Amino acid sequence: CPNETEIYSYSEDFDKRGVVYDLATNYGKTSQVNPSSTQIVATRSSDGEGKAKDLRKNQVKRGTVSGTEKEGSWWRVDLTEKYALYLTHYTLRHGRNRSKSVLVNWRLEGSLDGRKWTTLKNHDDDCRLKEHVTYTWTIDANPNAFRYFRIFQTGKNSSDKFGIFLSGIELYGVLITKSS
């Protein structure tokens, strides 16, 4: 059987038209994110507030903030062995008080195996999350599809500390469902 493709086009931040939302809700069959969903997996480099899986909920509510606490922090989304994505846009939602610990120095990376990473976008002193809480970036043409996507902190946050505090991520592009 050939691979199947699905196009996920960005319209607005957290518009419920992205890959993370679709896989976390079992293609919209459930209205809420299934915490035990194996369609998409979120992990992080260290434990701070919240749980790594909270990143899939795409909500800012008391208690859903999730964070890391160390230098070299990262968040990773695994689309599992079933999928690969040609990324065109990605959205992040800051997960704390608007003025505290906002991510400003990071790079977005993609990987097929979770070991070798390709930089998709660098962010140096990027204050868009501080100004808007959520923001979507366009990814310049990249000829590769990836299974893993990682937010890797490259410098201190807006509070001059290390740690990534997020409460949502969304990915857009062309999703390939691999044949079994």
Protein backbone atom coordinates (compact mmCIF):
# COMPACT_ATOMS: atom_id res chain seq x y z
CA CYS A 1 0.00 0.00 0.00
CA PRO A 2 1.30 3.50 -0.76
CA ASN A 3 1.80 6.10 1.94
CA GLU A 4 -1.20 8.35 2.61
CA THR A 5 -0.85 12.12 2.96
CA GLU A 6 -2.95 14.72 4.73
CA ILE A 7 -2.46 18.49 4.48
CA TYR A 8 -2.69 20.54 7.68
CA SER A 9 -2.89 24.23 6.76
CA TYR A 10 -2.31 26.96 9.31
CA SER A 11 -5.19 29.42 9.74
CA GLU A 12 -4.76 30.87 13.25
CA ASP A 13 -2.98 29.94 16.48
CA PHE A 14 -4.40 26.73 17.97
CA ASP A 15 -7.19 26.54 15.43
CA LYS A 16 -7.78 22.78 15.94
CA ARG A 17 -6.55 22.22 12.37
CA GLY A 18 -3.04 21.09 13.29
CA VAL A 19 -1.29 17.74 13.49
CA VAL A 20 -0.85 17.71 17.29
CA TYR A 21 -4.53 18.37 17.92
CA ASP A 22 -5.65 15.84 15.34
CA LEU A 23 -3.45 13.03 16.61
CA ALA A 24 -4.04 13.81 20.31
CA THR A 25 -7.84 13.70 19.79
CA ASN A 26 -7.70 10.60 17.59
CA TYR A 27 -8.54 12.59 14.44
CA GLY A 28 -11.24 14.58 16.24
CA LYS A 29 -13.12 11.50 17.43
CA THR A 30 -12.81 12.75 21.02
CA SER A 31 -13.46 16.34 22.05
CA GLN A 32 -10.67 16.32 24.62
CA VAL A 33 -7.04 15.34 24.33
CA ASN A 34 -6.70 11.69 25.29
CA PRO A 35 -3.96 11.57 27.97
CA SER A 36 -3.17 7.96 27.10
CA SER A 37 -3.05 8.59 23.35
CA THR A 38 -0.20 6.78 21.66
CA GLN A 39 -0.69 8.70 18.40
CA ILE A 40 1.70 11.43 19.60
CA VAL A 41 4.16 11.55 22.50
CA ALA A 42 5.60 14.61 24.27
CA THR A 43 8.78 14.40 26.37
CA ARG A 44 11.17 16.88 27.92
CA SER A 45 14.75 17.02 29.17
CA SER A 46 13.95 17.54 32.86
CA ASP A 47 10.94 17.70 35.12
CA GLY A 48 9.70 21.00 36.42
CA GLU A 49 6.09 22.03 36.78
CA GLY A 50 3.35 19.93 35.21
CA LYS A 51 3.80 16.87 33.05
CA ALA A 52 5.30 16.54 29.58
CA LYS A 53 2.01 15.26 28.14
CA ASP A 54 0.34 18.57 29.13
CA LEU A 55 1.99 20.13 26.07
CA ARG A 56 -0.52 18.28 23.84
CA LYS A 57 -3.51 19.95 25.53
CA ASN A 58 -2.80 23.39 24.03
CA GLN A 59 -4.48 25.20 26.91
CA VAL A 60 -3.53 27.89 29.39
CA LYS A 61 -5.25 27.05 32.63
CA ARG A 62 -4.03 26.97 36.17
CA GLY A 63 -2.24 23.66 36.62
CA THR A 64 -1.51 22.96 32.94
CA VAL A 65 1.78 24.84 32.88
CA SER A 66 4.63 22.50 32.09
CA GLY A 67 8.31 23.30 32.37
CA THR A 68 11.93 22.26 32.43
CA GLU A 69 14.51 23.66 34.81
CA LYS A 70 18.05 23.14 33.51
CA GLU A 71 20.57 24.49 31.03
CA GLY A 72 20.30 22.66 27.71
CA SER A 73 16.56 22.13 28.20
CA TRP A 74 14.43 20.72 25.41
CA TRP A 75 10.90 19.62 24.58
CA ARG A 76 10.31 16.88 22.04
CA VAL A 77 7.23 15.77 20.11
CA ASP A 78 7.28 12.25 18.64
CA LEU A 79 4.76 11.53 15.90
CA THR A 80 5.56 7.80 16.39
CA GLU A 81 6.76 5.35 13.75
CA LYS A 82 3.41 5.75 11.94
CA TYR A 83 4.01 9.32 10.75
CA ALA A 84 6.43 11.83 9.25
CA LEU A 85 5.71 15.51 8.68
CA TYR A 86 6.92 18.05 6.12
CA LEU A 87 6.64 21.05 8.45
CA THR A 88 5.44 24.42 7.10
CA HIS A 89 4.46 26.24 10.34
CA TYR A 90 4.66 25.72 14.07
CA THR A 91 2.94 27.43 16.99
CA LEU A 92 4.00 27.72 20.62
CA ARG A 93 2.03 28.91 23.63
CA HIS A 94 3.94 30.32 26.60
CA GLY A 95 3.00 28.61 29.83
CA ARG A 96 3.48 31.11 32.64
CA ASN A 97 2.62 34.62 33.72
CA ARG A 98 3.03 36.74 30.60
CA SER A 99 6.16 38.49 31.85
CA LYS A 100 7.97 35.57 33.55
CA SER A 101 10.36 33.01 32.11
CA VAL A 102 9.36 33.47 28.46
CA LEU A 103 11.35 31.46 25.91
CA VAL A 104 13.47 33.86 23.81
CA ASN A 105 16.51 31.81 22.69
CA TRP A 106 15.94 28.43 21.05
CA ARG A 107 16.04 26.44 17.87
CA LEU A 108 13.45 24.16 16.34
CA GLU A 109 14.92 20.88 15.15
CA GLY A 110 13.62 17.87 13.23
CA SER A 111 14.81 14.27 13.26
CA LEU A 112 13.88 10.92 11.76
CA ASP A 113 15.54 8.81 14.47
CA GLY A 114 15.64 11.06 17.57
CA ARG A 115 19.46 11.11 17.54
CA LYS A 116 20.57 13.17 14.52
CA TRP A 117 18.92 16.61 14.44
CA THR A 118 18.43 19.11 11.62
CA THR A 119 17.93 22.78 12.52
CA LEU A 120 14.69 24.06 10.99
CA LYS A 121 14.63 27.53 12.57
CA ASN A 122 16.88 29.53 14.93
CA HIS A 123 15.47 32.06 17.40
CA ASP A 124 17.86 34.55 19.03
CA ASP A 125 16.32 37.17 21.33
CA ASP A 126 12.90 36.40 19.81
CA CYS A 127 10.37 38.24 22.01
CA ARG A 128 7.22 37.23 20.11
CA LEU A 129 5.97 34.88 22.86
CA LYS A 130 6.44 37.64 25.42
CA GLU A 131 4.46 40.05 23.27
CA HIS A 132 1.71 37.67 22.11
CA VAL A 133 1.65 34.60 24.46
CA THR A 134 1.07 32.43 21.37
CA TYR A 135 2.84 32.82 18.08
CA THR A 136 3.21 30.93 14.82
CA TRP A 137 6.38 30.84 12.74
CA THR A 138 6.75 29.85 9.10
CA ILE A 139 9.37 27.25 8.29
CA ASP A 140 11.41 28.01 5.21
CA ALA A 141 11.35 25.30 2.57
CA ASN A 142 12.87 22.09 3.89
CA PRO A 143 12.94 19.04 1.62
CA ASN A 144 12.73 16.55 4.50
CA ALA A 145 9.91 15.06 6.52
CA PHE A 146 10.56 14.28 10.19
CA ARG A 147 9.12 12.05 12.90
CA TYR A 148 10.50 14.07 15.83
CA PHE A 149 10.41 17.81 16.49
CA ARG A 150 12.40 19.41 19.30
CA ILE A 151 12.48 22.86 20.90
CA PHE A 152 16.07 23.20 22.17
CA GLN A 153 16.90 26.13 24.47
CA THR A 154 20.08 27.91 23.32
CA GLY A 155 20.21 30.71 25.91
CA LYS A 156 18.47 32.07 28.99
CA ASN A 157 14.78 32.97 29.03
CA SER A 158 13.29 36.43 29.71
CA SER A 159 13.87 35.97 33.47
CA ASP A 160 17.60 35.39 32.82
CA LYS A 161 17.27 31.72 33.80
CA PHE A 162 17.31 28.39 32.05
CA GLY A 163 14.02 26.55 31.62
CA ILE A 164 11.28 26.25 29.02
CA PHE A 165 7.71 26.88 30.15
CA LEU A 166 5.12 25.91 27.54
CA SER A 167 1.46 24.99 27.57
CA GLY A 168 1.01 24.19 23.92
CA ILE A 169 2.61 23.31 20.62
CA GLU A 170 1.03 22.84 17.22
CA LEU A 171 2.53 21.64 13.95
CA TYR A 172 1.28 22.24 10.41
CA GLY A 173 2.32 20.84 7.07
CA VAL A 174 1.98 17.64 5.04
CA LEU A 175 1.61 14.55 7.22
CA ILE A 176 2.58 11.20 5.76
CA THR A 177 1.03 8.08 7.24
CA LYS A 178 3.51 5.30 6.66
CA SER A 179 2.33 1.99 5.24
CA SER A 180 2.38 -1.01 7.53
